Amino acid sequence: MPLSSVRAAAILDQEFRTGTVYLALYTSNPTGADTGTEVSGGGYARQPIEFSAPADEGGKQTIKNAAEIRFPVATSDWGTVTHIGIRTAATGGDLIAYAALTNPRTILAGDRFVIDLNNGVVRLA
């Protein structure tokens, strides 16, 4: 059963826009059980992510990152980033949502992982 537009927008606001949430990078699928392998070491740190207000796009309430997200320059190889997750804290915390990357990327020492403006998207029907 689909959610109403009003309820979907309220859920997006509550989960992603009422406090600070953080973008995490994974080298395996975090799954709904939060069992994936998050990048660690080599200068890696989760990055705060701010979202735009929900808007209807193709019949789905949608939020997008309101600014470019720039991870630190890797000081050692991070491996192949295959998934991203949105978490409630800079360390620890709960996994709110996750997704596979369309184009996984191998991060080597000296590389920087960047998500351009409006490319981090969450949608609810």
Protein backbone atom coordinates (compact mmCIF):
# COMPACT_ATOMS: atom_id res chain seq x y z
CA MET A 1 0.00 0.00 0.00
CA PRO A 2 1.61 3.31 -1.06
CA LEU A 3 1.97 6.15 1.41
CA SER A 4 0.18 9.42 0.82
CA SER A 5 2.36 12.27 -0.44
CA VAL A 6 1.87 14.12 2.84
CA ARG A 7 2.90 11.12 4.97
CA ALA A 8 5.88 10.26 2.72
CA ALA A 9 7.14 13.86 2.95
CA ALA A 10 6.70 13.81 6.75
CA ILE A 11 8.71 10.58 7.05
CA LEU A 12 11.51 11.97 4.88
CA ASP A 13 11.58 15.14 6.99
CA GLN A 14 11.62 13.20 10.26
CA GLU A 15 14.28 10.66 9.31
CA PHE A 16 16.62 12.77 7.20
CA ARG A 17 16.09 16.47 7.98
CA THR A 18 15.42 16.96 11.72
CA GLY A 19 18.95 16.24 12.93
CA THR A 20 22.38 15.63 11.49
CA VAL A 21 22.75 12.45 9.46
CA TYR A 22 25.96 11.08 7.98
CA LEU A 23 26.92 9.46 4.71
CA ALA A 24 28.96 6.26 5.04
CA LEU A 25 30.83 4.32 2.35
CA TYR A 26 30.81 0.51 2.12
CA THR A 27 32.84 -2.12 0.29
CA SER A 28 29.96 -4.60 0.62
CA ASN A 29 26.18 -4.43 0.88
CA PRO A 30 25.23 -3.15 4.35
CA THR A 31 21.83 -4.90 4.06
CA GLY A 32 18.84 -4.02 6.19
CA ALA A 33 20.54 -5.83 9.07
CA ASP A 34 23.54 -3.42 8.93
CA THR A 35 26.05 -6.21 8.24
CA GLY A 36 28.14 -4.68 5.46
CA THR A 37 31.78 -3.66 5.61
CA GLU A 38 32.20 0.08 6.06
CA VAL A 39 35.39 1.70 4.83
CA SER A 40 37.83 2.28 7.70
CA GLY A 41 41.30 3.74 8.18
CA GLY A 42 43.29 5.70 5.65
CA GLY A 43 41.77 9.05 6.63
CA TYR A 44 38.16 7.86 6.13
CA ALA A 45 35.41 9.58 8.09
CA ARG A 46 31.65 9.69 7.56
CA GLN A 47 30.46 13.00 6.21
CA PRO A 48 27.40 14.98 7.29
CA ILE A 49 24.73 15.24 4.62
CA GLU A 50 21.97 17.83 4.42
CA PHE A 51 18.89 17.26 2.31
CA SER A 52 16.54 19.57 0.45
CA ALA A 53 12.86 19.74 1.37
CA PRO A 54 10.78 16.87 -0.02
CA ALA A 55 9.34 17.46 -3.48
CA ASP A 56 7.22 15.35 -5.79
CA GLU A 57 9.20 13.80 -8.64
CA GLY A 58 7.33 11.36 -10.82
CA GLY A 59 4.75 10.67 -8.11
CA LYS A 60 7.34 9.98 -5.39
CA GLN A 61 8.39 12.28 -2.57
CA THR A 62 12.10 12.92 -3.11
CA ILE A 63 14.91 14.56 -1.17
CA LYS A 64 18.39 15.32 -2.55
CA ASN A 65 21.69 16.34 -1.02
CA ALA A 66 21.67 20.13 -0.71
CA ALA A 67 25.47 20.47 -1.12
CA GLU A 68 28.38 18.58 -2.58
CA ILE A 69 29.71 15.89 -0.22
CA ARG A 70 33.51 15.62 -0.15
CA PHE A 71 35.18 12.83 1.78
CA PRO A 72 38.77 13.32 2.99
CA VAL A 73 41.60 12.43 0.65
CA ALA A 74 42.43 8.75 1.21
CA THR A 75 45.81 8.30 2.89
CA SER A 76 45.77 4.58 2.04
CA ASP A 77 43.67 2.39 -0.26
CA TRP A 78 40.00 2.15 0.81
CA GLY A 79 39.07 -0.64 -1.60
CA THR A 80 36.13 -0.66 -4.01
CA VAL A 81 33.20 1.35 -2.70
CA THR A 82 30.05 -0.49 -3.80
CA HIS A 83 27.37 0.94 -1.48
CA ILE A 84 26.51 4.02 0.52
CA GLY A 85 24.51 4.31 3.71
CA ILE A 86 22.92 7.09 5.70
CA ARG A 87 23.57 6.82 9.43
CA THR A 88 22.45 8.62 12.57
CA ALA A 89 25.93 9.36 13.94
CA ALA A 90 29.49 10.18 12.89
CA THR A 91 30.55 6.87 14.50
CA GLY A 92 28.32 3.99 15.53
CA GLY A 93 24.67 4.95 15.38
CA ASP A 94 21.95 3.33 13.30
CA LEU A 95 21.74 2.70 9.57
CA ILE A 96 18.70 4.56 8.22
CA ALA A 97 18.94 3.75 4.51
CA TYR A 98 21.40 2.28 2.01
CA ALA A 99 21.86 1.79 -1.71
CA ALA A 100 24.21 0.21 -4.22
CA LEU A 101 26.28 2.61 -6.31
CA THR A 102 25.49 2.58 -10.03
CA ASN A 103 29.22 2.79 -10.71
CA PRO A 104 31.33 1.28 -7.90
CA ARG A 105 34.64 3.08 -7.49
CA THR A 106 38.01 1.88 -6.28
CA ILE A 107 39.52 4.47 -3.94
CA LEU A 108 43.31 4.44 -3.83
CA ALA A 109 45.66 6.53 -1.69
CA GLY A 110 45.43 10.14 -2.91
CA ASP A 111 41.86 9.76 -4.24
CA ARG A 112 38.82 11.63 -2.91
CA PHE A 113 35.24 10.32 -3.05
CA VAL A 114 32.76 13.09 -3.96
CA ILE A 115 29.00 13.12 -4.42
CA ASP A 116 27.89 16.05 -6.53
CA LEU A 117 25.00 18.33 -5.61
CA ASN A 118 21.60 16.62 -6.03
CA ASN A 119 23.13 13.17 -6.72
CA GLY A 120 22.35 11.74 -3.25
CA VAL A 121 18.66 10.93 -3.61
CA VAL A 122 16.08 9.30 -1.31
CA ARG A 123 12.54 8.60 -2.58
CA LEU A 124 9.31 7.38 -0.98
CA ALA A 125 6.10 6.59 -2.82
